Amino acid sequence: MPYAEISYSEPGTALTDRWLLAVQEEHIVSDSGTLLLAAPDTPRTADFRWFSAKLTERVDVSKLVNSVGSVEFAARSEDGRFYCGVTSEENGHWIVAGTYPLDQPPRWIELIEWPSKHTATFAAILQIFQSVDDVPRLKIALMKVLHEVYLLPIGKAKKLAEALDEGLHPLIPEDQLELLWRCSLHPT
């Protein structure tokens, strides 16, 4: 879905005004009024050459036409995180906007249904690592889960991981490991 559609029957100022609103709302323009702009070299290539531009009161994006006379260009924030482009479609100009990267696949840590912080035992967490093939069996991965899912400080996550061997088997009695887990969750 486009951010906005501007009919060909509307004046060029309508396209410019709506584009200016989009680049402001979508964080494309820096505080100093600069952004990156690019236009295709030819209608048959997707190669872009980015250049820094500063917005002025005289901006008129309806003049940014490609070699076949269509308004086609892209803008992005200087940090590259946000984009806004204009393309000519059947019924008018489309303004498209968004954030990079597009559709990032979920991380393995987000694909697993972890037990609730209130009910999880350390043994249950270790069982997930032992039973799921896609989960790395590394102490660092366990520390990441303890930190990101259960919000433990890194130091406490590391202390728990140090109580395990490389295969994530306990090096201390299981009841002591559970006590260490509970103390990490609920410090006294």
N, C-alpha and C. Protein backbone atom coordinates (compact mmCIF):
# COMPACT_ATOMS: atom_id res chain seq x y z
N MET A 1 0.83 -1.18 0.00
CA MET A 1 0.00 0.00 0.00
C MET A 1 0.88 1.24 0.00
N PRO A 2 0.58 2.19 -0.85
CA PRO A 2 1.39 3.41 -0.84
C PRO A 2 1.09 4.27 0.38
N TYR A 3 2.06 5.07 0.74
CA TYR A 3 1.90 6.04 1.81
C TYR A 3 0.85 7.07 1.40
N ALA A 4 0.90 7.47 0.11
CA ALA A 4 -0.07 8.43 -0.44
C ALA A 4 -0.15 8.25 -1.95
N GLU A 5 -1.30 8.59 -2.52
CA GLU A 5 -1.50 8.61 -3.96
C GLU A 5 -1.90 10.02 -4.35
N ILE A 6 -1.27 10.54 -5.40
CA ILE A 6 -1.60 11.87 -5.89
C ILE A 6 -1.98 11.73 -7.36
N SER A 7 -3.18 12.11 -7.70
CA SER A 7 -3.68 11.98 -9.06
C SER A 7 -2.86 12.84 -10.02
N TYR A 8 -2.75 12.37 -11.26
CA TYR A 8 -2.05 13.15 -12.29
C TYR A 8 -2.76 14.47 -12.56
N SER A 9 -4.04 14.54 -12.26
CA SER A 9 -4.79 15.77 -12.51
C SER A 9 -4.45 16.87 -11.49
N GLU A 10 -3.83 16.51 -10.37
CA GLU A 10 -3.46 17.51 -9.37
C GLU A 10 -2.18 18.22 -9.81
N PRO A 11 -1.98 19.46 -9.38
CA PRO A 11 -0.77 20.19 -9.76
C PRO A 11 0.47 19.59 -9.10
N GLY A 12 1.62 19.89 -9.67
CA GLY A 12 2.90 19.41 -9.13
C GLY A 12 3.11 19.81 -7.69
N THR A 13 2.54 20.93 -7.28
CA THR A 13 2.70 21.36 -5.88
C THR A 13 2.03 20.38 -4.92
N ALA A 14 0.96 19.70 -5.34
CA ALA A 14 0.30 18.71 -4.48
C ALA A 14 1.24 17.54 -4.21
N LEU A 15 1.96 17.10 -5.25
CA LEU A 15 2.93 16.02 -5.08
C LEU A 15 4.06 16.48 -4.16
N THR A 16 4.57 17.65 -4.39
CA THR A 16 5.66 18.18 -3.56
C THR A 16 5.23 18.32 -2.11
N ASP A 17 4.06 18.92 -1.88
CA ASP A 17 3.58 19.12 -0.51
C ASP A 17 3.41 17.79 0.23
N ARG A 18 2.82 16.82 -0.45
CA ARG A 18 2.59 15.52 0.20
C ARG A 18 3.90 14.79 0.45
N TRP A 19 4.86 14.92 -0.49
CA TRP A 19 6.17 14.30 -0.31
C TRP A 19 6.91 14.95 0.85
N LEU A 20 6.85 16.27 0.94
CA LEU A 20 7.51 16.97 2.05
C LEU A 20 6.94 16.52 3.39
N LEU A 21 5.64 16.34 3.46
CA LEU A 21 5.02 15.86 4.68
C LEU A 21 5.51 14.44 5.00
N ALA A 22 5.58 13.60 3.98
CA ALA A 22 6.03 12.21 4.17
C ALA A 22 7.47 12.15 4.68
N VAL A 23 8.38 12.91 4.08
CA VAL A 23 9.78 12.83 4.51
C VAL A 23 9.97 13.39 5.92
N GLN A 24 9.11 14.30 6.33
CA GLN A 24 9.17 14.79 7.72
C GLN A 24 8.62 13.73 8.67
N GLU A 25 7.42 13.22 8.38
CA GLU A 25 6.78 12.23 9.25
C GLU A 25 7.56 10.93 9.35
N GLU A 26 8.22 10.55 8.29
CA GLU A 26 8.92 9.27 8.23
C GLU A 26 10.40 9.38 8.59
N HIS A 27 10.82 10.50 9.13
CA HIS A 27 12.19 10.69 9.64
C HIS A 27 13.26 10.59 8.56
N ILE A 28 12.94 11.03 7.37
CA ILE A 28 13.90 11.00 6.27
C ILE A 28 14.83 12.21 6.33
N VAL A 29 14.28 13.35 6.69
CA VAL A 29 15.04 14.60 6.71
C VAL A 29 15.74 14.76 8.06
N SER A 30 17.01 15.12 8.01
CA SER A 30 17.75 15.35 9.25
C SER A 30 17.33 16.68 9.87
N ASP A 31 17.79 16.93 11.08
CA ASP A 31 17.50 18.19 11.75
C ASP A 31 18.02 19.39 10.96
N SER A 32 19.08 19.17 10.18
CA SER A 32 19.64 20.27 9.39
C SER A 32 18.99 20.38 8.00
N GLY A 33 17.96 19.55 7.74
CA GLY A 33 17.23 19.64 6.47
C GLY A 33 17.86 18.87 5.33
N THR A 34 18.75 17.93 5.63
CA THR A 34 19.40 17.16 4.57
C THR A 34 18.86 15.74 4.52
N LEU A 35 19.02 15.13 3.36
CA LEU A 35 18.64 13.74 3.13
C LEU A 35 19.45 13.23 1.96
N LEU A 36 19.34 11.95 1.68
CA LEU A 36 19.99 11.36 0.52
C LEU A 36 18.95 11.18 -0.58
N LEU A 37 19.31 11.51 -1.81
CA LEU A 37 18.43 11.36 -2.97
C LEU A 37 19.10 10.48 -4.01
N ALA A 38 18.28 9.77 -4.76
CA ALA A 38 18.79 8.96 -5.86
C ALA A 38 17.72 8.88 -6.94
N ALA A 39 18.18 8.77 -8.15
CA ALA A 39 17.28 8.56 -9.29
C ALA A 39 17.93 7.52 -10.19
N PRO A 40 17.14 6.66 -10.82
CA PRO A 40 17.73 5.67 -11.73
C PRO A 40 18.46 6.36 -12.87
N ASP A 41 19.58 5.78 -13.27
CA ASP A 41 20.34 6.34 -14.39
C ASP A 41 19.54 6.25 -15.68
N THR A 42 18.86 5.13 -15.88
CA THR A 42 18.04 4.92 -17.06
C THR A 42 16.78 4.17 -16.62
N PRO A 43 15.74 4.13 -17.43
CA PRO A 43 14.54 3.41 -17.01
C PRO A 43 14.74 1.90 -16.91
N ARG A 44 15.85 1.36 -17.44
CA ARG A 44 16.04 -0.10 -17.44
C ARG A 44 16.96 -0.59 -16.32
N THR A 45 17.41 0.26 -15.46
CA THR A 45 18.35 -0.17 -14.43
C THR A 45 17.88 0.22 -13.05
N ALA A 46 18.24 -0.58 -12.09
CA ALA A 46 17.91 -0.27 -10.70
C ALA A 46 19.12 0.31 -9.98
N ASP A 47 20.20 0.59 -10.74
CA ASP A 47 21.39 1.17 -10.12
C ASP A 47 21.11 2.61 -9.71
N PHE A 48 21.40 2.91 -8.46
CA PHE A 48 21.17 4.25 -7.96
C PHE A 48 22.48 4.87 -7.55
N ARG A 49 22.59 6.17 -7.75
CA ARG A 49 23.71 6.95 -7.24
C ARG A 49 23.13 7.90 -6.21
N TRP A 50 23.51 7.72 -4.96
CA TRP A 50 22.99 8.53 -3.88
C TRP A 50 23.81 9.79 -3.73
N PHE A 51 23.14 10.91 -3.50
CA PHE A 51 23.84 12.15 -3.22
C PHE A 51 23.10 12.89 -2.12
N SER A 52 23.86 13.65 -1.36
CA SER A 52 23.28 14.41 -0.26
C SER A 52 22.60 15.65 -0.83
N ALA A 53 21.42 15.94 -0.31
CA ALA A 53 20.67 17.11 -0.78
C ALA A 53 20.12 17.85 0.44
N LYS A 54 19.98 19.15 0.30
CA LYS A 54 19.39 19.97 1.35
C LYS A 54 18.08 20.54 0.82
N LEU A 55 17.02 20.37 1.62
CA LEU A 55 15.73 20.89 1.20
C LEU A 55 15.73 22.41 1.30
N THR A 56 15.15 23.04 0.29
CA THR A 56 14.99 24.49 0.29
C THR A 56 13.52 24.80 0.05
N GLU A 57 13.17 26.04 0.14
CA GLU A 57 11.78 26.45 -0.10
C GLU A 57 11.40 26.29 -1.57
N ARG A 58 12.38 26.17 -2.45
CA ARG A 58 12.10 26.07 -3.88
C ARG A 58 11.97 24.63 -4.38
N VAL A 59 11.95 23.64 -3.47
CA VAL A 59 11.88 22.25 -3.90
C VAL A 59 10.60 22.00 -4.70
N ASP A 60 10.76 21.25 -5.80
CA ASP A 60 9.62 20.86 -6.65
C ASP A 60 9.92 19.46 -7.16
N VAL A 61 9.41 18.45 -6.46
CA VAL A 61 9.73 17.07 -6.83
C VAL A 61 9.08 16.66 -8.14
N SER A 62 8.09 17.39 -8.62
CA SER A 62 7.46 17.03 -9.89
C SER A 62 8.43 17.21 -11.06
N LYS A 63 9.55 17.88 -10.82
CA LYS A 63 10.57 18.07 -11.87
C LYS A 63 11.62 16.97 -11.87
N LEU A 64 11.56 16.04 -10.89
CA LEU A 64 12.52 14.94 -10.81
C LEU A 64 12.04 13.79 -11.68
N VAL A 65 12.19 13.95 -12.98
CA VAL A 65 11.68 12.97 -13.94
C VAL A 65 12.81 12.13 -14.50
N ASN A 66 12.47 10.91 -14.88
CA ASN A 66 13.46 10.04 -15.50
C ASN A 66 13.48 10.29 -17.01
N SER A 67 14.21 9.47 -17.74
CA SER A 67 14.41 9.70 -19.17
C SER A 67 13.13 9.53 -20.00
N VAL A 68 12.08 8.93 -19.45
CA VAL A 68 10.82 8.81 -20.18
C VAL A 68 9.77 9.79 -19.68
N GLY A 69 10.20 10.73 -18.82
CA GLY A 69 9.31 11.79 -18.36
C GLY A 69 8.45 11.46 -17.15
N SER A 70 8.71 10.34 -16.48
CA SER A 70 7.95 9.97 -15.29
C SER A 70 8.69 10.41 -14.03
N VAL A 71 7.93 10.83 -13.04
CA VAL A 71 8.55 11.17 -11.76
C VAL A 71 8.93 9.87 -11.07
N GLU A 72 10.21 9.63 -10.90
CA GLU A 72 10.73 8.42 -10.28
C GLU A 72 11.99 8.79 -9.53
N PHE A 73 11.95 8.69 -8.21
CA PHE A 73 13.16 8.93 -7.43
C PHE A 73 12.97 8.34 -6.05
N ALA A 74 14.07 8.23 -5.35
CA ALA A 74 14.03 7.70 -3.99
C ALA A 74 14.81 8.64 -3.07
N ALA A 75 14.39 8.69 -1.82
CA ALA A 75 15.08 9.44 -0.79
C ALA A 75 15.25 8.52 0.41
N ARG A 76 16.28 8.75 1.18
CA ARG A 76 16.44 8.00 2.42
C ARG A 76 17.15 8.87 3.44
N SER A 77 17.00 8.49 4.68
CA SER A 77 17.66 9.23 5.75
C SER A 77 19.17 9.04 5.63
N GLU A 78 19.92 9.98 6.17
CA GLU A 78 21.38 9.90 6.07
C GLU A 78 21.93 8.65 6.74
N ASP A 79 21.25 8.14 7.77
CA ASP A 79 21.72 6.92 8.41
C ASP A 79 21.25 5.66 7.67
N GLY A 80 20.45 5.84 6.61
CA GLY A 80 20.01 4.72 5.79
C GLY A 80 18.87 3.91 6.37
N ARG A 81 18.33 4.28 7.51
CA ARG A 81 17.30 3.48 8.16
C ARG A 81 15.91 3.69 7.58
N PHE A 82 15.62 4.85 7.00
CA PHE A 82 14.27 5.17 6.53
C PHE A 82 14.32 5.54 5.05
N TYR A 83 13.27 5.22 4.31
CA TYR A 83 13.22 5.55 2.89
C TYR A 83 11.87 6.15 2.53
N CYS A 84 11.86 6.87 1.43
CA CYS A 84 10.63 7.44 0.88
C CYS A 84 10.88 7.62 -0.61
N GLY A 85 10.03 7.04 -1.42
CA GLY A 85 10.20 7.14 -2.86
C GLY A 85 8.93 7.59 -3.55
N VAL A 86 9.10 8.06 -4.77
CA VAL A 86 7.97 8.46 -5.60
C VAL A 86 8.07 7.67 -6.90
N THR A 87 6.94 7.12 -7.31
CA THR A 87 6.88 6.37 -8.56
C THR A 87 5.61 6.77 -9.31
N SER A 88 5.67 6.70 -10.62
CA SER A 88 4.51 7.00 -11.45
C SER A 88 3.79 5.70 -11.78
N GLU A 89 2.52 5.62 -11.42
CA GLU A 89 1.72 4.43 -11.65
C GLU A 89 0.58 4.77 -12.61
N GLU A 90 -0.33 3.84 -12.85
CA GLU A 90 -1.40 4.04 -13.83
C GLU A 90 -2.26 5.27 -13.55
N ASN A 91 -2.69 5.43 -12.31
CA ASN A 91 -3.65 6.50 -11.99
C ASN A 91 -3.04 7.73 -11.33
N GLY A 92 -1.74 7.70 -11.11
CA GLY A 92 -1.11 8.85 -10.47
C GLY A 92 0.22 8.50 -9.84
N HIS A 93 0.72 9.43 -9.08
CA HIS A 93 2.00 9.23 -8.39
C HIS A 93 1.75 8.52 -7.07
N TRP A 94 2.62 7.59 -6.76
CA TRP A 94 2.58 6.93 -5.46
C TRP A 94 3.78 7.39 -4.66
N ILE A 95 3.54 7.68 -3.39
CA ILE A 95 4.62 7.92 -2.44
C ILE A 95 4.67 6.70 -1.55
N VAL A 96 5.82 6.06 -1.49
CA VAL A 96 6.00 4.89 -0.64
C VAL A 96 7.05 5.22 0.41
N ALA A 97 6.88 4.71 1.61
CA ALA A 97 7.81 5.01 2.69
C ALA A 97 7.90 3.81 3.62
N GLY A 98 9.01 3.72 4.31
CA GLY A 98 9.18 2.62 5.26
C GLY A 98 10.52 2.67 5.96
N THR A 99 10.82 1.57 6.60
CA THR A 99 12.05 1.43 7.38
C THR A 99 12.83 0.25 6.85
N TYR A 100 14.16 0.39 6.73
CA TYR A 100 15.03 -0.73 6.41
C TYR A 100 15.44 -1.40 7.70
N PRO A 101 15.80 -2.64 7.74
CA PRO A 101 15.64 -3.59 6.66
C PRO A 101 14.19 -4.05 6.57
N LEU A 102 13.80 -4.38 5.37
CA LEU A 102 12.45 -4.84 5.13
C LEU A 102 12.30 -6.28 5.57
N ASP A 103 11.21 -6.59 6.21
CA ASP A 103 10.84 -7.96 6.57
C ASP A 103 12.02 -8.81 7.05
N GLN A 104 12.63 -8.40 8.15
CA GLN A 104 13.69 -9.20 8.71
C GLN A 104 13.11 -10.49 9.27
N PRO A 105 13.73 -11.62 8.95
CA PRO A 105 13.22 -12.87 9.51
C PRO A 105 13.39 -12.88 11.02
N PRO A 106 12.48 -13.55 11.73
CA PRO A 106 12.61 -13.59 13.18
C PRO A 106 13.86 -14.35 13.59
N ARG A 107 14.44 -13.96 14.69
CA ARG A 107 15.62 -14.64 15.23
C ARG A 107 15.17 -15.92 15.92
N TRP A 108 16.05 -16.89 16.04
CA TRP A 108 15.70 -18.18 16.65
C TRP A 108 15.13 -17.98 18.05
N ILE A 109 15.62 -17.01 18.77
CA ILE A 109 15.18 -16.77 20.14
C ILE A 109 13.70 -16.36 20.17
N GLU A 110 13.23 -15.74 19.09
CA GLU A 110 11.84 -15.29 19.01
C GLU A 110 10.90 -16.39 18.51
N LEU A 111 11.45 -17.45 17.95
CA LEU A 111 10.65 -18.53 17.40
C LEU A 111 10.26 -19.59 18.43
N ILE A 112 10.84 -19.50 19.60
CA ILE A 112 10.61 -20.51 20.63
C ILE A 112 9.66 -19.96 21.68
N GLU A 113 8.76 -20.79 22.11
CA GLU A 113 7.84 -20.40 23.18
C GLU A 113 8.52 -20.73 24.51
N TRP A 114 9.06 -19.70 25.12
CA TRP A 114 9.79 -19.87 26.37
C TRP A 114 8.81 -19.89 27.53
N PRO A 115 9.10 -20.68 28.58
CA PRO A 115 8.22 -20.67 29.75
C PRO A 115 8.20 -19.29 30.39
N SER A 116 7.12 -18.97 31.02
CA SER A 116 6.96 -17.68 31.70
C SER A 116 8.04 -17.51 32.77
N LYS A 117 8.44 -16.29 32.99
CA LYS A 117 9.46 -15.99 34.00
C LYS A 117 8.99 -16.45 35.38
N HIS A 118 7.71 -16.42 35.62
CA HIS A 118 7.17 -16.75 36.93
C HIS A 118 7.08 -18.25 37.18
N THR A 119 7.03 -19.04 36.10
CA THR A 119 6.87 -20.48 36.28
C THR A 119 8.07 -21.29 35.78
N ALA A 120 8.99 -20.65 35.09
CA ALA A 120 10.10 -21.38 34.47
C ALA A 120 11.05 -21.94 35.51
N THR A 121 11.42 -23.18 35.28
CA THR A 121 12.53 -23.74 36.04
C THR A 121 13.74 -23.70 35.12
N PHE A 122 14.91 -23.71 35.71
CA PHE A 122 16.11 -23.70 34.89
C PHE A 122 16.20 -25.00 34.10
N ALA A 123 15.75 -26.08 34.70
CA ALA A 123 15.75 -27.38 34.01
C ALA A 123 14.88 -27.33 32.75
N ALA A 124 13.73 -26.63 32.82
CA ALA A 124 12.85 -26.52 31.66
C ALA A 124 13.52 -25.73 30.53
N ILE A 125 14.23 -24.70 30.91
CA ILE A 125 14.95 -23.90 29.90
C ILE A 125 16.03 -24.76 29.25
N LEU A 126 16.79 -25.48 30.05
CA LEU A 126 17.83 -26.35 29.51
C LEU A 126 17.23 -27.45 28.63
N GLN A 127 16.05 -27.94 29.01
CA GLN A 127 15.40 -28.98 28.22
C GLN A 127 15.07 -28.46 26.81
N ILE A 128 14.67 -27.21 26.70
CA ILE A 128 14.40 -26.63 25.37
C ILE A 128 15.68 -26.64 24.54
N PHE A 129 16.79 -26.22 25.14
CA PHE A 129 18.06 -26.23 24.41
C PHE A 129 18.45 -27.63 23.98
N GLN A 130 18.14 -28.62 24.81
CA GLN A 130 18.50 -30.01 24.50
C GLN A 130 17.59 -30.62 23.43
N SER A 131 16.32 -30.16 23.36
CA SER A 131 15.34 -30.84 22.50
C SER A 131 15.12 -30.20 21.14
N VAL A 132 15.49 -28.97 20.96
CA VAL A 132 15.22 -28.28 19.70
C VAL A 132 16.51 -28.20 18.89
N ASP A 133 16.48 -28.78 17.68
CA ASP A 133 17.68 -28.82 16.85
C ASP A 133 18.15 -27.46 16.38
N ASP A 134 17.21 -26.53 16.17
CA ASP A 134 17.58 -25.22 15.62
C ASP A 134 18.20 -24.29 16.66
N VAL A 135 18.15 -24.65 17.93
CA VAL A 135 18.70 -23.79 18.97
C VAL A 135 20.18 -24.13 19.15
N PRO A 136 21.04 -23.15 19.05
CA PRO A 136 22.45 -23.44 19.28
C PRO A 136 22.67 -23.92 20.71
N ARG A 137 23.48 -24.94 20.87
CA ARG A 137 23.77 -25.47 22.20
C ARG A 137 25.04 -24.84 22.74
N LEU A 138 25.03 -23.57 22.82
CA LEU A 138 26.20 -22.85 23.30
C LEU A 138 25.85 -22.09 24.55
N LYS A 139 26.81 -21.97 25.42
CA LYS A 139 26.58 -21.20 26.64
C LYS A 139 26.20 -19.75 26.31
N ILE A 140 26.80 -19.21 25.27
CA ILE A 140 26.50 -17.81 24.90
C ILE A 140 25.04 -17.66 24.49
N ALA A 141 24.49 -18.68 23.81
CA ALA A 141 23.07 -18.64 23.41
C ALA A 141 22.19 -18.71 24.65
N LEU A 142 22.57 -19.54 25.60
CA LEU A 142 21.81 -19.63 26.85
C LEU A 142 21.85 -18.28 27.58
N MET A 143 23.01 -17.67 27.65
CA MET A 143 23.12 -16.38 28.32
C MET A 143 22.26 -15.33 27.61
N LYS A 144 22.18 -15.41 26.30
CA LYS A 144 21.34 -14.48 25.54
C LYS A 144 19.87 -14.66 25.90
N VAL A 145 19.41 -15.90 26.02
CA VAL A 145 18.03 -16.17 26.41
C VAL A 145 17.78 -15.65 27.83
N LEU A 146 18.70 -15.96 28.74
CA LEU A 146 18.52 -15.52 30.12
C LEU A 146 18.46 -13.99 30.22
N HIS A 147 19.23 -13.33 29.39
CA HIS A 147 19.26 -11.86 29.42
C HIS A 147 18.05 -11.27 28.70
N GLU A 148 17.76 -11.73 27.47
CA GLU A 148 16.71 -11.12 26.66
C GLU A 148 15.30 -11.58 27.04
N VAL A 149 15.12 -12.84 27.36
CA VAL A 149 13.79 -13.36 27.66
C VAL A 149 13.46 -13.17 29.14
N TYR A 150 14.43 -13.49 29.99
CA TYR A 150 14.16 -13.45 31.43
C TYR A 150 14.73 -12.21 32.12
N LEU A 151 15.32 -11.31 31.33
CA LEU A 151 15.79 -10.00 31.79
C LEU A 151 16.81 -10.07 32.92
N LEU A 152 17.63 -11.11 32.92
CA LEU A 152 18.70 -11.20 33.91
C LEU A 152 19.85 -10.31 33.48
N PRO A 153 20.52 -9.68 34.41
CA PRO A 153 21.75 -8.96 34.04
C PRO A 153 22.76 -9.97 33.49
N ILE A 154 23.62 -9.50 32.63
CA ILE A 154 24.61 -10.37 31.98
C ILE A 154 25.44 -11.13 33.02
N GLY A 155 25.83 -10.46 34.08
CA GLY A 155 26.65 -11.11 35.12
C GLY A 155 25.95 -12.32 35.73
N LYS A 156 24.65 -12.21 36.00
CA LYS A 156 23.91 -13.33 36.57
C LYS A 156 23.72 -14.44 35.53
N ALA A 157 23.48 -14.06 34.28
CA ALA A 157 23.36 -15.06 33.21
C ALA A 157 24.67 -15.83 33.05
N LYS A 158 25.76 -15.11 33.14
CA LYS A 158 27.09 -15.74 33.02
C LYS A 158 27.33 -16.70 34.18
N LYS A 159 26.94 -16.31 35.37
CA LYS A 159 27.14 -17.17 36.54
C LYS A 159 26.37 -18.48 36.37
N LEU A 160 25.15 -18.40 35.87
CA LEU A 160 24.38 -19.62 35.61
C LEU A 160 25.04 -20.47 34.53
N ALA A 161 25.50 -19.84 33.47
CA ALA A 161 26.13 -20.58 32.37
C ALA A 161 27.42 -21.25 32.84
N GLU A 162 28.13 -20.62 33.76
CA GLU A 162 29.38 -21.21 34.27
C GLU A 162 29.12 -22.46 35.10
N ALA A 163 27.87 -22.68 35.54
CA ALA A 163 27.53 -23.88 36.30
C ALA A 163 27.20 -25.05 35.38
N LEU A 164 27.46 -24.89 34.07
CA LEU A 164 27.16 -25.91 33.07
C LEU A 164 28.41 -26.23 32.26
N ASP A 165 28.46 -27.45 31.72
CA ASP A 165 29.55 -27.77 30.80
C ASP A 165 29.18 -27.30 29.40
N GLU A 166 30.02 -27.58 28.43
CA GLU A 166 29.77 -27.12 27.06
C GLU A 166 28.52 -27.74 26.44
N GLY A 167 28.11 -28.91 26.92
CA GLY A 167 26.89 -29.55 26.44
C GLY A 167 25.66 -29.10 27.21
N LEU A 168 25.84 -28.09 28.06
CA LEU A 168 24.79 -27.53 28.90
C LEU A 168 24.28 -28.52 29.95
N HIS A 169 25.17 -29.37 30.42
CA HIS A 169 24.85 -30.28 31.50
C HIS A 169 25.37 -29.66 32.80
N PRO A 170 24.60 -29.77 33.88
CA PRO A 170 24.99 -29.14 35.15
C PRO A 170 26.31 -29.67 35.70
N LEU A 171 27.13 -28.76 36.20
CA LEU A 171 28.38 -29.11 36.87
C LEU A 171 28.20 -29.12 38.39
N ILE A 172 27.04 -28.67 38.83
CA ILE A 172 26.70 -28.66 40.25
C ILE A 172 25.40 -29.43 40.40
N PRO A 173 25.06 -29.87 41.60
CA PRO A 173 23.78 -30.59 41.79
C PRO A 173 22.61 -29.75 41.27
N GLU A 174 21.62 -30.45 40.70
CA GLU A 174 20.48 -29.77 40.08
C GLU A 174 19.72 -28.88 41.05
N ASP A 175 19.60 -29.31 42.33
CA ASP A 175 18.88 -28.47 43.28
C ASP A 175 19.64 -27.17 43.54
N GLN A 176 20.96 -27.22 43.53
CA GLN A 176 21.76 -26.00 43.69
C GLN A 176 21.61 -25.09 42.46
N LEU A 177 21.53 -25.72 41.29
CA LEU A 177 21.34 -24.96 40.06
C LEU A 177 19.99 -24.24 40.07
N GLU A 178 18.95 -24.94 40.52
CA GLU A 178 17.63 -24.31 40.61
C GLU A 178 17.63 -23.18 41.63
N LEU A 179 18.33 -23.36 42.73
CA LEU A 179 18.42 -22.31 43.74
C LEU A 179 19.15 -21.09 43.17
N LEU A 180 20.22 -21.33 42.44
CA LEU A 180 20.95 -20.25 41.79
C LEU A 180 20.04 -19.50 40.81
N TRP A 181 19.22 -20.24 40.07
CA TRP A 181 18.26 -19.68 39.12
C TRP A 181 17.25 -18.79 39.85
N ARG A 182 16.64 -19.33 40.90
CA ARG A 182 15.63 -18.58 41.65
C ARG A 182 16.24 -17.32 42.28
N CYS A 183 17.43 -17.42 42.80
CA CYS A 183 18.11 -16.26 43.40
C CYS A 183 18.44 -15.21 42.34
N SER A 184 18.71 -15.66 41.12
CA SER A 184 18.99 -14.73 40.03
C SER A 184 17.74 -13.97 39.64
N LEU A 185 16.59 -14.67 39.69
CA LEU A 185 15.33 -14.03 39.33
C LEU A 185 14.81 -13.11 40.42
N HIS A 186 14.98 -13.52 41.64
CA HIS A 186 14.43 -12.79 42.78
C HIS A 186 15.52 -12.54 43.82
N PRO A 187 16.39 -11.58 43.59
CA PRO A 187 17.46 -11.35 44.56
C PRO A 187 16.88 -10.90 45.91
N THR A 188 17.52 -11.33 46.97
CA THR A 188 17.06 -10.96 48.32
C THR A 188 17.90 -9.87 48.91
